[in-house]
């Protein structure tokens, strides 16, 4: 079995009026996460059609690196804040490239 990078996306929907708070919180995750061991890339995007919709695109060296990322203090804090900022818990998907 070939060791391939792990590609993950997360979908977050802000509660009405919470878009700027969610954007600020997500931006604060980018710097420290990109410094984590095993992080190849880590980006967030905001929909141009629905300002409440945010998507992450993440590439990790392994599932273990991704799992360790979820245990960092700033991700745990974001998960706790999510209860107040998001319509529903974030939805994480793992993807395989078609090429």
Protein backbone atom coordinates (compact mmCIF):
# COMPACT_ATOMS: atom_id res chain seq x y z
CA UNK A 1 0.00 0.00 0.00
CA UNK A 2 1.36 3.39 -1.03
CA UNK A 3 1.59 6.12 1.59
CA UNK A 4 -0.47 8.95 0.19
CA UNK A 5 -1.17 12.30 1.82
CA UNK A 6 -4.50 12.59 3.61
CA UNK A 7 -6.83 15.17 2.07
CA UNK A 8 -9.57 16.48 4.32
CA UNK A 9 -12.23 19.14 3.94
CA UNK A 10 -14.47 20.60 6.59
CA UNK A 11 -17.77 22.41 6.01
CA UNK A 12 -18.88 25.01 8.56
CA UNK A 13 -22.04 27.11 8.51
CA UNK A 14 -22.09 30.20 10.72
CA UNK A 15 -25.21 31.19 12.60
CA UNK A 16 -26.83 34.33 11.17
CA UNK A 17 -24.81 37.37 12.20
CA UNK A 18 -21.80 35.31 13.30
CA UNK A 19 -19.94 35.33 9.96
CA UNK A 20 -17.22 37.78 11.03
CA UNK A 21 -16.62 35.99 14.34
CA UNK A 22 -16.27 32.66 12.54
CA UNK A 23 -13.93 34.20 9.96
CA UNK A 24 -11.76 35.69 12.73
CA UNK A 25 -11.66 32.35 14.60
CA UNK A 26 -10.74 30.37 11.49
CA UNK A 27 -8.01 32.82 10.47
CA UNK A 28 -6.46 32.42 13.93
CA UNK A 29 -6.05 28.67 13.29
CA UNK A 30 -4.08 29.00 10.06
CA UNK A 31 -0.67 30.11 11.37
CA UNK A 32 -0.26 27.61 14.19
CA UNK A 33 -1.71 24.74 12.17
CA UNK A 34 0.65 25.29 9.25
CA UNK A 35 3.56 24.93 11.72
CA UNK A 36 2.35 21.53 12.95
CA UNK A 37 4.38 18.46 12.13
CA UNK A 38 2.65 16.60 9.32
CA UNK A 39 0.74 19.59 7.91
CA UNK A 40 1.35 19.92 4.17
CA UNK A 41 -1.28 22.61 3.55
CA UNK A 42 -4.14 24.18 5.47
CA UNK A 43 -6.54 26.73 3.96
CA UNK A 44 -10.00 28.13 4.63
CA UNK A 45 -12.40 29.62 2.12
CA UNK A 46 -15.62 31.61 2.44
CA UNK A 47 -18.36 31.16 -0.13
CA UNK A 48 -18.91 34.10 -2.44
CA UNK A 49 -22.61 33.16 -2.68
CA UNK A 50 -23.37 32.46 0.99
CA UNK A 51 -21.21 34.39 3.46
CA UNK A 52 -22.20 31.96 6.23
CA UNK A 53 -20.53 28.99 4.49
CA UNK A 54 -16.84 28.22 5.14
CA UNK A 55 -14.81 25.33 3.73
CA UNK A 56 -11.38 24.09 4.73
CA UNK A 57 -9.00 22.23 2.45
CA UNK A 58 -6.29 20.40 4.35
CA UNK A 59 -3.49 18.06 3.33
CA UNK A 60 -1.74 16.00 5.99
CA UNK A 61 1.12 13.51 5.83
CA UNK A 62 -0.99 10.86 7.59
CA UNK A 63 -4.20 10.19 9.46
CA UNK A 64 -2.09 10.22 12.64
CA UNK A 65 -0.94 13.80 11.91
CA UNK A 66 -4.57 14.83 11.34
CA UNK A 67 -5.65 13.14 14.58
CA UNK A 68 -2.89 14.93 16.52
CA UNK A 69 -4.05 18.23 14.99
CA UNK A 70 -7.51 17.66 16.47
CA UNK A 71 -5.96 17.43 19.95
CA UNK A 72 -4.23 20.83 19.84
CA UNK A 73 -5.51 23.44 22.31
CA UNK A 74 -6.57 25.89 19.59
CA UNK A 75 -8.65 23.27 17.75
CA UNK A 76 -10.29 22.15 20.99
CA UNK A 77 -11.12 25.80 21.77
CA UNK A 78 -12.57 26.25 18.27
CA UNK A 79 -14.72 23.16 18.71
CA UNK A 80 -16.04 24.56 21.98
CA UNK A 81 -16.74 27.95 20.36
CA UNK A 82 -18.45 26.19 17.47
CA UNK A 83 -21.44 25.38 19.64
CA UNK A 84 -22.17 29.13 19.87
CA UNK A 85 -21.03 30.17 16.39
CA UNK A 86 -22.17 27.39 14.06
CA UNK A 87 -25.57 26.13 12.95
CA UNK A 88 -24.43 22.52 13.30
CA UNK A 89 -21.22 20.66 14.13
CA UNK A 90 -18.67 20.93 11.36
CA UNK A 91 -18.73 18.20 8.76
CA UNK A 92 -15.35 16.60 7.93
CA UNK A 93 -14.78 14.58 4.76
CA UNK A 94 -11.71 12.67 3.61
CA UNK A 95 -11.03 12.63 -0.12
CA UNK A 96 -9.00 10.64 -2.65
CA UNK A 97 -7.61 12.26 -5.77
CA UNK A 98 -8.95 10.90 -9.05
CA UNK A 99 -5.58 11.09 -10.80
